[in-house]
Amino acid sequence: MACSAAAEFIAYTPQRIVMFIQIFFCICSIIFNLLFIYYCRKDLFFHKNCRVLIWALIATNIVHSAIVGAIQGMQLVQMFTVTDPCDMLMSAVLCYSLRLPTLVCFGSHLTIHLSVVAERAIALRYLSSYESSSSTLGFVLAVFSITSSFALTIYGTKNYNFTGRMFYCTAATKSTLLDISATSYFVVAVEAIIILLFGCVYHLSLKKSVVYDLRSKYQAKENLTVVRLLMPMLLFHFLIFFCFVLSYATSYSIRRLFPSDSAFRAYLAAIYIVPIYTACSPLLMGWILRRHRLSRTQALIRISSKTECVNDIYFSNYAWNIK
């Protein structure tokens, strides 16, 4: 039975196309994230704790893309080279071992965003002293993000069948589809809450930026800048994952609409648009950082430009405290 299903899977052309597209985006994701590290590492002027979390986010993108690309590439090569469909079968334990890190990386996008909100809230609470703090908090939050994502993954795959063999390695099986759908709904709900929390941090930072203590004002301004820069990332993440989760969560109820298991399997593979997110997110963040760097450069040029009277010098020196 499994061998005949594998033969149908190998011959199903839409499945091959979907897998090829996923491999393409995984390769693009690895390249774009590495380019972000190379070109934008000096533009991350945030506090070291925030930088740790952003680098953790980039690392999860690379790890996720590398593993997904390797899995899909290996199976795509097998689809073109095997002579016996039974050779496509792999142990469920092996498949789970390969898919577990990708699921943890998937959940880490959510938990790292939550950690960034917590880090910015702590920075807002200790405005006058946070700038001189160490990076310990950033590493603690990064470990918390990975650990909590791992726990969420274990819950979503608690009914995984480890005894069988499969020809297509995926975490979305008949036994786990319902739990993964529920977990996906939870991810979208928490991401929406994170966006609201970011808005609260921005509002409070805006209120506290009008102070006379230089260190407190600097930290409040940094909070405003970080939230402005990361908010488009959060909205993009929410949009992509909302589309993915909505498609994934409803797949259980529309399964009977597909003419065959191969068609439904290709649909599940097609709606896994996470590689698109991991490829586009460093491009978006790099574009935002470049625009911010350009605006800062223009501001410095404007400040350092020749003034025409003494009053201009006076008001330029004290304008920072009323913005």
C-alpha atoms as a PDB file:
ATOM      1  CA  MET A   1       0.000   0.000   0.000  1.00  0.00           C
ATOM      2  CA  ALA A   2       2.753   2.455   0.946  1.00  0.00           C
ATOM      3  CA  CYS A   3       4.753   1.601  -2.167  1.00  0.00           C
ATOM      4  CA  SER A   4       1.778   2.201  -4.460  1.00  0.00           C
ATOM      5  CA  ALA A   5       1.130   5.556  -2.769  1.00  0.00           C
ATOM      6  CA  ALA A   6       4.814   6.393  -3.203  1.00  0.00           C
ATOM      7  CA  ALA A   7       4.553   5.590  -6.914  1.00  0.00           C
ATOM      8  CA  GLU A   8       1.609   7.983  -7.207  1.00  0.00           C
ATOM      9  CA  PHE A   9       3.553  10.607  -5.264  1.00  0.00           C
ATOM     10  CA  ILE A  10       6.587  10.307  -7.561  1.00  0.00           C
ATOM     11  CA  ALA A  11       4.476  10.679 -10.702  1.00  0.00           C
ATOM     12  CA  TYR A  12       2.504  13.711  -9.454  1.00  0.00           C
ATOM     13  CA  THR A  13       4.000  16.686 -11.331  1.00  0.00           C
ATOM     14  CA  PRO A  14       2.478  19.504  -9.180  1.00  0.00           C
ATOM     15  CA  GLN A  15       4.273  18.044  -6.162  1.00  0.00           C
ATOM     16  CA  ARG A  16       7.615  18.284  -7.954  1.00  0.00           C
ATOM     17  CA  ILE A  17       6.937  21.899  -8.945  1.00  0.00           C
ATOM     18  CA  VAL A  18       6.032  22.891  -5.388  1.00  0.00           C
ATOM     19  CA  MET A  19       9.142  21.221  -3.978  1.00  0.00           C
ATOM     20  CA  PHE A  20      11.361  22.914  -6.561  1.00  0.00           C
ATOM     21  CA  ILE A  21       9.886  26.336  -5.677  1.00  0.00           C
ATOM     22  CA  GLN A  22      10.472  25.706  -1.981  1.00  0.00           C
ATOM     23  CA  ILE A  23      14.092  24.746  -2.624  1.00  0.00           C
ATOM     24  CA  PHE A  24      14.548  27.941  -4.643  1.00  0.00           C
ATOM     25  CA  PHE A  25      13.233  30.142  -1.826  1.00  0.00           C
ATOM     26  CA  CYS A  26      15.306  28.260   0.746  1.00  0.00           C
ATOM     27  CA  ILE A  27      18.472  28.957  -1.244  1.00  0.00           C
ATOM     28  CA  CYS A  28      17.456  32.612  -1.636  1.00  0.00           C
ATOM     29  CA  SER A  29      16.750  32.793   2.090  1.00  0.00           C
ATOM     30  CA  ILE A  30      20.211  31.542   3.031  1.00  0.00           C
ATOM     31  CA  ILE A  31      21.886  33.961   0.609  1.00  0.00           C
ATOM     32  CA  PHE A  32      19.819  36.983   1.672  1.00  0.00           C
ATOM     33  CA  ASN A  33      20.300  36.344   5.387  1.00  0.00           C
ATOM     34  CA  LEU A  34      24.055  35.950   4.956  1.00  0.00           C
ATOM     35  CA  LEU A  35      24.145  39.168   2.934  1.00  0.00           C
ATOM     36  CA  PHE A  36      22.215  40.893   5.703  1.00  0.00           C
ATOM     37  CA  ILE A  37      24.818  39.776   8.229  1.00  0.00           C
ATOM     38  CA  TYR A  38      27.643  41.008   6.009  1.00  0.00           C
ATOM     39  CA  TYR A  39      26.237  44.377   4.969  1.00  0.00           C
ATOM     40  CA  CYS A  40      23.995  45.392   7.885  1.00  0.00           C
ATOM     41  CA  ARG A  41      25.920  44.223  10.940  1.00  0.00           C
ATOM     42  CA  LYS A  42      27.277  47.751  11.475  1.00  0.00           C
ATOM     43  CA  ASP A  43      23.856  49.354  11.045  1.00  0.00           C
ATOM     44  CA  LEU A  44      22.380  47.617  14.101  1.00  0.00           C
ATOM     45  CA  PHE A  45      23.030  50.455  16.521  1.00  0.00           C
ATOM     46  CA  PHE A  46      20.523  49.040  19.044  1.00  0.00           C
ATOM     47  CA  HIS A  47      21.414  47.961  22.546  1.00  0.00           C
ATOM     48  CA  LYS A  48      23.415  44.738  22.656  1.00  0.00           C
ATOM     49  CA  ASN A  49      20.459  42.802  24.129  1.00  0.00           C
ATOM     50  CA  CYS A  50      18.260  43.751  21.199  1.00  0.00           C
ATOM     51  CA  ARG A  51      21.046  42.880  18.762  1.00  0.00           C
ATOM     52  CA  VAL A  52      21.338  39.393  20.273  1.00  0.00           C
ATOM     53  CA  LEU A  53      17.633  38.778  19.612  1.00  0.00           C
ATOM     54  CA  ILE A  54      17.831  40.065  16.041  1.00  0.00           C
ATOM     55  CA  TRP A  55      20.842  37.851  15.312  1.00  0.00           C
ATOM     56  CA  ALA A  56      18.908  34.937  16.827  1.00  0.00           C
ATOM     57  CA  LEU A  57      16.087  35.698  14.405  1.00  0.00           C
ATOM     58  CA  ILE A  58      18.484  35.708  11.453  1.00  0.00           C
ATOM     59  CA  ALA A  59      20.030  32.435  12.674  1.00  0.00           C
ATOM     60  CA  THR A  60      16.632  30.722  12.818  1.00  0.00           C
ATOM     61  CA  ASN A  61      15.985  31.859   9.241  1.00  0.00           C
ATOM     62  CA  ILE A  62      19.225  30.277   8.053  1.00  0.00           C
ATOM     63  CA  VAL A  63      18.795  27.022   9.991  1.00  0.00           C
ATOM     64  CA  HIS A  64      15.180  26.642   8.881  1.00  0.00           C
ATOM     65  CA  SER A  65      16.013  27.265   5.224  1.00  0.00           C
ATOM     66  CA  ALA A  66      19.037  24.958   5.259  1.00  0.00           C
ATOM     67  CA  ILE A  67      17.130  22.015   6.731  1.00  0.00           C
ATOM     68  CA  VAL A  68      13.952  22.457   4.670  1.00  0.00           C
ATOM     69  CA  GLY A  69      15.997  22.900   1.500  1.00  0.00           C
ATOM     70  CA  ALA A  70      18.046  19.787   2.288  1.00  0.00           C
ATOM     71  CA  ILE A  71      14.940  17.677   2.982  1.00  0.00           C
ATOM     72  CA  GLN A  72      13.128  18.819  -0.147  1.00  0.00           C
ATOM     73  CA  GLY A  73      16.254  18.550  -2.275  1.00  0.00           C
ATOM     74  CA  MET A  74      16.977  15.018  -1.098  1.00  0.00           C
ATOM     75  CA  GLN A  75      13.433  13.871  -1.796  1.00  0.00           C
ATOM     76  CA  LEU A  76      13.265  15.637  -5.152  1.00  0.00           C
ATOM     77  CA  VAL A  77      16.442  13.882  -6.272  1.00  0.00           C
ATOM     78  CA  GLN A  78      14.966  10.561  -5.157  1.00  0.00           C
ATOM     79  CA  MET A  79      11.795  11.242  -7.151  1.00  0.00           C
ATOM     80  CA  PHE A  80      13.871  11.488 -10.334  1.00  0.00           C
ATOM     81  CA  THR A  81      16.358   8.697  -9.623  1.00  0.00           C
ATOM     82  CA  VAL A  82      14.652   5.809  -7.793  1.00  0.00           C
ATOM     83  CA  THR A  83      13.561   2.833  -9.843  1.00  0.00           C
ATOM     84  CA  ASP A  84      11.590   1.159  -7.069  1.00  0.00           C
ATOM     85  CA  PRO A  85       8.956   3.387  -5.373  1.00  0.00           C
ATOM     86  CA  CYS A  86       9.580   1.538  -2.111  1.00  0.00           C
ATOM     87  CA  ASP A  87      13.023   3.148  -1.997  1.00  0.00           C
ATOM     88  CA  MET A  88      11.282   6.459  -1.257  1.00  0.00           C
ATOM     89  CA  LEU A  89      10.087   5.228   2.133  1.00  0.00           C
ATOM     90  CA  MET A  90      11.824   6.572   5.229  1.00  0.00           C
ATOM     91  CA  SER A  91      11.424   5.958   8.926  1.00  0.00           C
ATOM     92  CA  ALA A  92       8.934   8.199  10.723  1.00  0.00           C
ATOM     93  CA  VAL A  93      11.524   8.676  13.470  1.00  0.00           C
ATOM     94  CA  LEU A  94      14.066   9.964  10.937  1.00  0.00           C
ATOM     95  CA  CYS A  95      11.507  12.300   9.398  1.00  0.00           C
ATOM     96  CA  TYR A  96      10.527  13.664  12.808  1.00  0.00           C
ATOM     97  CA  SER A  97      14.185  14.223  13.688  1.00  0.00           C
ATOM     98  CA  LEU A  98      14.623  16.255  10.509  1.00  0.00           C
ATOM     99  CA  ARG A  99      11.406  18.228  10.844  1.00  0.00           C
ATOM    100  CA  LEU A 100      11.667  19.015  14.559  1.00  0.00           C
ATOM    101  CA  PRO A 101      14.360  21.744  14.149  1.00  0.00           C
ATOM    102  CA  THR A 102      12.347  23.405  11.370  1.00  0.00           C
ATOM    103  CA  LEU A 103       9.243  23.509  13.557  1.00  0.00           C
ATOM    104  CA  VAL A 104      11.261  24.963  16.431  1.00  0.00           C
ATOM    105  CA  CYS A 105      12.616  27.651  14.089  1.00  0.00           C
ATOM    106  CA  PHE A 106       9.081  28.319  12.877  1.00  0.00           C
ATOM    107  CA  GLY A 107       7.855  28.895  16.432  1.00  0.00           C
ATOM    108  CA  SER A 108      10.957  30.883  17.349  1.00  0.00           C
ATOM    109  CA  HIS A 109       9.880  33.733  15.090  1.00  0.00           C
ATOM    110  CA  LEU A 110       6.923  34.244  17.398  1.00  0.00           C
ATOM    111  CA  THR A 111       8.781  33.808  20.684  1.00  0.00           C
ATOM    112  CA  ILE A 112      11.691  36.029  19.630  1.00  0.00           C
ATOM    113  CA  HIS A 113       9.255  38.795  18.720  1.00  0.00           C
ATOM    114  CA  LEU A 114       7.732  38.411  22.175  1.00  0.00           C
ATOM    115  CA  SER A 115      11.206  38.587  23.715  1.00  0.00           C
ATOM    116  CA  VAL A 116      11.969  41.785  21.796  1.00  0.00           C
ATOM    117  CA  VAL A 117       8.846  43.371  23.297  1.00  0.00           C
ATOM    118  CA  ALA A 118       9.939  42.244  26.771  1.00  0.00           C
ATOM    119  CA  GLU A 119      13.466  43.586  26.207  1.00  0.00           C
ATOM    120  CA  ARG A 120      12.164  46.960  25.033  1.00  0.00           C
ATOM    121  CA  ALA A 121       9.762  47.119  28.001  1.00  0.00           C
ATOM    122  CA  ILE A 122      12.654  46.485  30.406  1.00  0.00           C
ATOM    123  CA  ALA A 123      14.691  49.161  28.630  1.00  0.00           C
ATOM    124  CA  LEU A 124      11.767  51.540  29.078  1.00  0.00           C
ATOM    125  CA  ARG A 125      11.518  50.701  32.770  1.00  0.00           C
ATOM    126  CA  TYR A 126      15.214  51.384  33.441  1.00  0.00           C
ATOM    127  CA  LEU A 127      15.812  54.316  31.119  1.00  0.00           C
ATOM    128  CA  SER A 128      18.641  55.929  33.045  1.00  0.00           C
ATOM    129  CA  SER A 129      20.775  52.792  33.541  1.00  0.00           C
ATOM    130  CA  TYR A 130      19.843  50.340  30.767  1.00  0.00           C
ATOM    131  CA  GLU A 131      22.411  51.593  28.251  1.00  0.00           C
ATOM    132  CA  SER A 132      25.293  50.465  30.486  1.00  0.00           C
ATOM    133  CA  SER A 133      23.837  46.999  31.140  1.00  0.00           C
ATOM    134  CA  SER A 134      25.424  43.816  29.774  1.00  0.00           C
ATOM    135  CA  SER A 135      24.100  41.452  27.106  1.00  0.00           C
ATOM    136  CA  THR A 136      23.092  38.790  29.649  1.00  0.00           C
ATOM    137  CA  LEU A 137      19.407  39.624  29.323  1.00  0.00           C
ATOM    138  CA  GLY A 138      19.560  39.205  25.552  1.00  0.00           C
ATOM    139  CA  PHE A 139      21.040  35.711  25.788  1.00  0.00           C
ATOM    140  CA  VAL A 140      18.547  34.728  28.506  1.00  0.00           C
ATOM    141  CA  LEU A 141      15.642  35.878  26.329  1.00  0.00           C
ATOM    142  CA  ALA A 142      17.106  34.073  23.304  1.00  0.00           C
ATOM    143  CA  VAL A 143      17.339  30.815  25.276  1.00  0.00           C
ATOM    144  CA  PHE A 144      13.792  31.358  26.546  1.00  0.00           C
ATOM    145  CA  SER A 145      12.590  31.897  22.968  1.00  0.00           C
ATOM    146  CA  ILE A 146      14.109  28.659  21.686  1.00  0.00           C
ATOM    147  CA  THR A 147      12.978  26.662  24.733  1.00  0.00           C
ATOM    148  CA  SER A 148       9.393  27.910  24.620  1.00  0.00           C
ATOM    149  CA  SER A 149       9.246  27.266  20.880  1.00  0.00           C
ATOM    150  CA  PHE A 150      10.517  23.732  21.480  1.00  0.00           C
ATOM    151  CA  ALA A 151       7.771  23.173  24.066  1.00  0.00           C
ATOM    152  CA  LEU A 152       5.157  24.506  21.635  1.00  0.00           C
ATOM    153  CA  THR A 153       6.459  22.156  18.945  1.00  0.00           C
ATOM    154  CA  ILE A 154       6.315  19.140  21.244  1.00  0.00           C
ATOM    155  CA  TYR A 155       2.705  19.961  22.080  1.00  0.00           C
ATOM    156  CA  GLY A 156       1.736  20.346  18.426  1.00  0.00           C
ATOM    157  CA  THR A 157       3.272  16.985  17.468  1.00  0.00           C
ATOM    158  CA  LYS A 158       2.399  14.990  20.584  1.00  0.00           C
ATOM    159  CA  ASN A 159       0.261  12.565  18.541  1.00  0.00           C
ATOM    160  CA  TYR A 160       2.911  11.942  15.903  1.00  0.00           C
ATOM    161  CA  ASN A 161       3.054   8.312  14.773  1.00  0.00           C
ATOM    162  CA  PHE A 162       6.637   7.076  15.177  1.00  0.00           C
ATOM    163  CA  THR A 163       5.946   3.497  14.102  1.00  0.00           C
ATOM    164  CA  GLY A 164       5.175   3.912  10.419  1.00  0.00           C
ATOM    165  CA  ARG A 165       7.163   4.702   7.303  1.00  0.00           C
ATOM    166  CA  MET A 166       6.508   7.579   4.928  1.00  0.00           C
ATOM    167  CA  PHE A 167       7.576   8.626   1.446  1.00  0.00           C
ATOM    168  CA  TYR A 168       7.120  12.384   2.004  1.00  0.00           C
ATOM    169  CA  CYS A 169       8.665  13.873   5.121  1.00  0.00           C
ATOM    170  CA  THR A 170       6.196  16.243   6.776  1.00  0.00           C
ATOM    171  CA  ALA A 171       5.028  17.012  10.293  1.00  0.00           C
ATOM    172  CA  ALA A 172       1.426  17.434   9.116  1.00  0.00           C
ATOM    173  CA  THR A 173       0.147  13.876   9.207  1.00  0.00           C
ATOM    174  CA  LYS A 174      -3.350  12.572   9.839  1.00  0.00           C
ATOM    175  CA  SER A 175      -2.555  12.178  13.532  1.00  0.00           C
ATOM    176  CA  THR A 176      -1.058  15.656  14.024  1.00  0.00           C
ATOM    177  CA  LEU A 177      -3.073  17.842  11.651  1.00  0.00           C
ATOM    178  CA  LEU A 178      -5.672  18.853  14.235  1.00  0.00           C
ATOM    179  CA  ASP A 179      -3.103  19.725  16.937  1.00  0.00           C
ATOM    180  CA  ILE A 180      -0.931  21.649  14.493  1.00  0.00           C
ATOM    181  CA  SER A 181      -3.978  23.584  13.314  1.00  0.00           C
ATOM    182  CA  ALA A 182      -4.815  24.560  16.908  1.00  0.00           C
ATOM    183  CA  THR A 183      -1.206  25.564  17.521  1.00  0.00           C
ATOM    184  CA  SER A 184      -1.257  27.666  14.359  1.00  0.00           C
ATOM    185  CA  TYR A 185      -4.325  29.568  15.563  1.00  0.00           C
ATOM    186  CA  PHE A 186      -2.493  30.227  18.822  1.00  0.00           C
ATOM    187  CA  VAL A 187       0.551  31.573  16.963  1.00  0.00           C
ATOM    188  CA  VAL A 188      -1.516  34.111  15.019  1.00  0.00           C
ATOM    189  CA  ALA A 189      -3.393  35.237  18.152  1.00  0.00           C
ATOM    190  CA  VAL A 190      -0.164  35.790  20.096  1.00  0.00           C
ATOM    191  CA  GLU A 191       1.400  37.654  17.158  1.00  0.00           C
ATOM    192  CA  ALA A 192      -1.584  40.029  17.121  1.00  0.00           C
ATOM    193  CA  ILE A 193      -1.097  40.623  20.859  1.00  0.00           C
ATOM    194  CA  ILE A 194       2.617  41.298  20.276  1.00  0.00           C
ATOM    195  CA  ILE A 195       1.752  44.002  17.741  1.00  0.00           C
ATOM    196  CA  LEU A 196      -0.517  45.658  20.325  1.00  0.00           C
ATOM    197  CA  LEU A 197       2.241  45.446  22.942  1.00  0.00           C
ATOM    198  CA  PHE A 198       4.677  47.063  20.519  1.00  0.00           C
ATOM    199  CA  GLY A 199       2.185  49.889  20.109  1.00  0.00           C
ATOM    200  CA  CYS A 200       2.017  50.321  23.890  1.00  0.00           C
ATOM    201  CA  VAL A 201       5.826  50.417  24.176  1.00  0.00           C
ATOM    202  CA  TYR A 202       5.948  53.009  21.411  1.00  0.00           C
ATOM    203  CA  HIS A 203       3.319  55.195  23.111  1.00  0.00           C
ATOM    204  CA  LEU A 204       5.079  55.054  26.484  1.00  0.00           C
ATOM    205  CA  SER A 205       8.471  55.732  24.898  1.00  0.00           C
ATOM    206  CA  LEU A 206       7.005  58.752  23.137  1.00  0.00           C
ATOM    207  CA  LYS A 207       5.740  60.129  26.437  1.00  0.00           C
ATOM    208  CA  LYS A 208       9.021  59.499  28.254  1.00  0.00           C
ATOM    209  CA  SER A 209      11.166  60.961  25.481  1.00  0.00           C
ATOM    210  CA  VAL A 210      10.329  64.495  26.669  1.00  0.00           C
ATOM    211  CA  VAL A 211      12.633  64.507  29.693  1.00  0.00           C
ATOM    212  CA  TYR A 212      15.664  66.537  30.761  1.00  0.00           C
ATOM    213  CA  ASP A 213      17.940  63.654  31.726  1.00  0.00           C
ATOM    214  CA  LEU A 214      20.209  62.967  28.754  1.00  0.00           C
ATOM    215  CA  ARG A 215      20.642  59.214  29.331  1.00  0.00           C
ATOM    216  CA  SER A 216      16.924  58.640  29.895  1.00  0.00           C
ATOM    217  CA  LYS A 217      16.063  60.658  26.819  1.00  0.00           C
ATOM    218  CA  TYR A 218      18.588  58.735  24.710  1.00  0.00           C
ATOM    219  CA  GLN A 219      17.158  55.370  25.780  1.00  0.00           C
ATOM    220  CA  ALA A 220      13.585  56.523  25.153  1.00  0.00           C
ATOM    221  CA  LYS A 221      14.609  57.745  21.697  1.00  0.00           C
ATOM    222  CA  GLU A 222      16.271  54.393  20.996  1.00  0.00           C
ATOM    223  CA  ASN A 223      13.063  52.638  22.017  1.00  0.00           C
ATOM    224  CA  LEU A 224      11.114  54.762  19.559  1.00  0.00           C
ATOM    225  CA  THR A 225      13.613  54.040  16.795  1.00  0.00           C
ATOM    226  CA  VAL A 226      13.690  50.286  17.416  1.00  0.00           C
ATOM    227  CA  VAL A 227       9.899  50.040  17.483  1.00  0.00           C
ATOM    228  CA  ARG A 228       9.613  52.074  14.278  1.00  0.00           C
ATOM    229  CA  LEU A 229      12.140  49.842  12.545  1.00  0.00           C
ATOM    230  CA  LEU A 230      10.741  46.519  13.753  1.00  0.00           C
ATOM    231  CA  MET A 231       7.031  47.273  13.391  1.00  0.00           C
ATOM    232  CA  PRO A 232       7.043  46.707   9.585  1.00  0.00           C
ATOM    233  CA  MET A 233       8.763  43.372  10.239  1.00  0.00           C
ATOM    234  CA  LEU A 234       6.070  42.382  12.725  1.00  0.00           C
ATOM    235  CA  LEU A 235       3.269  43.389  10.364  1.00  0.00           C
ATOM    236  CA  PHE A 236       4.904  41.478   7.507  1.00  0.00           C
ATOM    237  CA  HIS A 237       5.347  38.439   9.751  1.00  0.00           C
ATOM    238  CA  PHE A 238       1.714  38.659  10.860  1.00  0.00           C
ATOM    239  CA  LEU A 239       0.464  38.951   7.272  1.00  0.00           C
ATOM    240  CA  ILE A 240       2.497  36.014   5.952  1.00  0.00           C
ATOM    241  CA  PHE A 241       1.789  33.765   8.908  1.00  0.00           C
ATOM    242  CA  PHE A 242      -1.888  34.710   8.978  1.00  0.00           C
ATOM    243  CA  CYS A 243      -2.240  33.584   5.358  1.00  0.00           C
ATOM    244  CA  PHE A 244      -0.261  30.421   6.083  1.00  0.00           C
ATOM    245  CA  VAL A 245      -2.113  29.574   9.289  1.00  0.00           C
ATOM    246  CA  LEU A 246      -5.524  30.313   7.794  1.00  0.00           C
ATOM    247  CA  SER A 247      -4.781  27.970   4.893  1.00  0.00           C
ATOM    248  CA  TYR A 248      -3.230  25.343   7.145  1.00  0.00           C
ATOM    249  CA  ALA A 249      -5.872  25.437   9.856  1.00  0.00           C
ATOM    250  CA  THR A 250      -8.718  25.066   7.383  1.00  0.00           C
ATOM    251  CA  SER A 251      -7.023  22.230   5.505  1.00  0.00           C
ATOM    252  CA  TYR A 252      -8.449  19.668   7.916  1.00  0.00           C
ATOM    253  CA  SER A 253     -12.013  20.681   7.051  1.00  0.00           C
ATOM    254  CA  ILE A 254     -11.512  20.941   3.262  1.00  0.00           C
ATOM    255  CA  ARG A 255      -9.561  17.748   2.793  1.00  0.00           C
ATOM    256  CA  ARG A 256     -12.545  15.957   1.273  1.00  0.00           C
ATOM    257  CA  LEU A 257     -12.621  18.513  -1.568  1.00  0.00           C
ATOM    258  CA  PHE A 258      -9.386  17.174  -3.068  1.00  0.00           C
ATOM    259  CA  PRO A 259      -9.662  14.382  -5.638  1.00  0.00           C
ATOM    260  CA  SER A 260      -6.702  12.405  -4.269  1.00  0.00           C
ATOM    261  CA  ASP A 261      -4.246  12.214  -1.405  1.00  0.00           C
ATOM    262  CA  SER A 262      -1.501  13.395  -3.764  1.00  0.00           C
ATOM    263  CA  ALA A 263      -3.436  16.573  -4.556  1.00  0.00           C
ATOM    264  CA  PHE A 264      -4.021  17.266  -0.868  1.00  0.00           C
ATOM    265  CA  ARG A 265      -0.366  16.595  -0.083  1.00  0.00           C
ATOM    266  CA  ALA A 266       0.719  19.025  -2.810  1.00  0.00           C
ATOM    267  CA  TYR A 267      -1.678  21.607  -1.370  1.00  0.00           C
ATOM    268  CA  LEU A 268      -0.130  21.276   2.098  1.00  0.00           C
ATOM    269  CA  ALA A 269       3.328  21.692   0.595  1.00  0.00           C
ATOM    270  CA  ALA A 270       2.233  24.713  -1.464  1.00  0.00           C
ATOM    271  CA  ILE A 271       0.782  26.636   1.485  1.00  0.00           C
ATOM    272  CA  TYR A 272       3.992  26.232   3.474  1.00  0.00           C
ATOM    273  CA  ILE A 273       5.148  29.753   2.594  1.00  0.00           C
ATOM    274  CA  VAL A 274       7.555  30.107   5.522  1.00  0.00           C
ATOM    275  CA  PRO A 275      10.605  29.993   3.157  1.00  0.00           C
ATOM    276  CA  ILE A 276       9.153  33.037   1.396  1.00  0.00           C
ATOM    277  CA  TYR A 277       9.047  34.868   4.724  1.00  0.00           C
ATOM    278  CA  THR A 278      12.591  33.869   5.694  1.00  0.00           C
ATOM    279  CA  ALA A 279      13.832  35.034   2.274  1.00  0.00           C
ATOM    280  CA  CYS A 280      12.006  38.374   2.263  1.00  0.00           C
ATOM    281  CA  SER A 281      12.383  39.375   5.927  1.00  0.00           C
ATOM    282  CA  PRO A 282      16.146  40.185   5.760  1.00  0.00           C
ATOM    283  CA  LEU A 283      15.534  42.185   2.584  1.00  0.00           C
ATOM    284  CA  LEU A 284      12.827  44.200   4.317  1.00  0.00           C
ATOM    285  CA  MET A 285      14.925  44.749   7.430  1.00  0.00           C
ATOM    286  CA  GLY A 286      17.974  45.709   5.375  1.00  0.00           C
ATOM    287  CA  TRP A 287      15.918  48.208   3.364  1.00  0.00           C
ATOM    288  CA  ILE A 288      14.548  49.754   6.579  1.00  0.00           C
ATOM    289  CA  LEU A 289      18.028  50.030   8.107  1.00  0.00           C
ATOM    290  CA  ARG A 290      19.451  51.632   4.967  1.00  0.00           C
ATOM    291  CA  ARG A 291      16.666  54.209   4.909  1.00  0.00           C
ATOM    292  CA  HIS A 292      17.246  54.956   8.587  1.00  0.00           C
ATOM    293  CA  ARG A 293      20.997  55.293   8.042  1.00  0.00           C
ATOM    294  CA  LEU A 294      20.336  57.696   5.164  1.00  0.00           C
ATOM    295  CA  SER A 295      17.994  59.809   7.287  1.00  0.00           C
ATOM    296  CA  ARG A 296      20.565  59.945  10.109  1.00  0.00           C
ATOM    297  CA  THR A 297      23.267  60.993   7.662  1.00  0.00           C
ATOM    298  CA  GLN A 298      21.059  63.745   6.286  1.00  0.00           C
ATOM    299  CA  ALA A 299      20.267  64.895   9.825  1.00  0.00           C
ATOM    300  CA  LEU A 300      23.977  65.079  10.674  1.00  0.00           C
ATOM    301  CA  ILE A 301      24.662  67.065   7.518  1.00  0.00           C
ATOM    302  CA  ARG A 302      21.856  69.445   8.379  1.00  0.00           C
ATOM    303  CA  ILE A 303      23.076  69.902  11.957  1.00  0.00           C
ATOM    304  CA  SER A 304      26.686  70.439  10.896  1.00  0.00           C
ATOM    305  CA  SER A 305      25.798  72.881   8.128  1.00  0.00           C
ATOM    306  CA  LYS A 306      26.857  76.486   8.477  1.00  0.00           C
ATOM    307  CA  THR A 307      24.486  78.621  10.545  1.00  0.00           C
ATOM    308  CA  GLU A 308      23.736  82.191   9.617  1.00  0.00           C
ATOM    309  CA  CYS A 309      23.266  83.785  13.030  1.00  0.00           C
ATOM    310  CA  VAL A 310      23.855  83.224  16.736  1.00  0.00           C
ATOM    311  CA  ASN A 311      20.196  82.401  17.365  1.00  0.00           C
ATOM    312  CA  ASP A 312      20.405  79.456  14.958  1.00  0.00           C
ATOM    313  CA  ILE A 313      23.287  77.993  16.984  1.00  0.00           C
ATOM    314  CA  TYR A 314      21.384  78.425  20.248  1.00  0.00           C
ATOM    315  CA  PHE A 315      18.174  76.800  19.065  1.00  0.00           C
ATOM    316  CA  SER A 316      20.006  73.998  17.237  1.00  0.00           C
ATOM    317  CA  ASN A 317      21.812  73.039  20.447  1.00  0.00           C
ATOM    318  CA  TYR A 318      18.650  72.905  22.532  1.00  0.00           C
ATOM    319  CA  ALA A 319      16.155  71.604  19.982  1.00  0.00           C
ATOM    320  CA  TRP A 320      16.841  67.948  20.928  1.00  0.00           C
ATOM    321  CA  ASN A 321      14.981  68.380  24.223  1.00  0.00           C
ATOM    322  CA  ILE A 322      11.696  69.532  22.718  1.00  0.00           C
ATOM    323  CA  LYS A 323      11.317  66.977  19.922  1.00  0.00           C
END
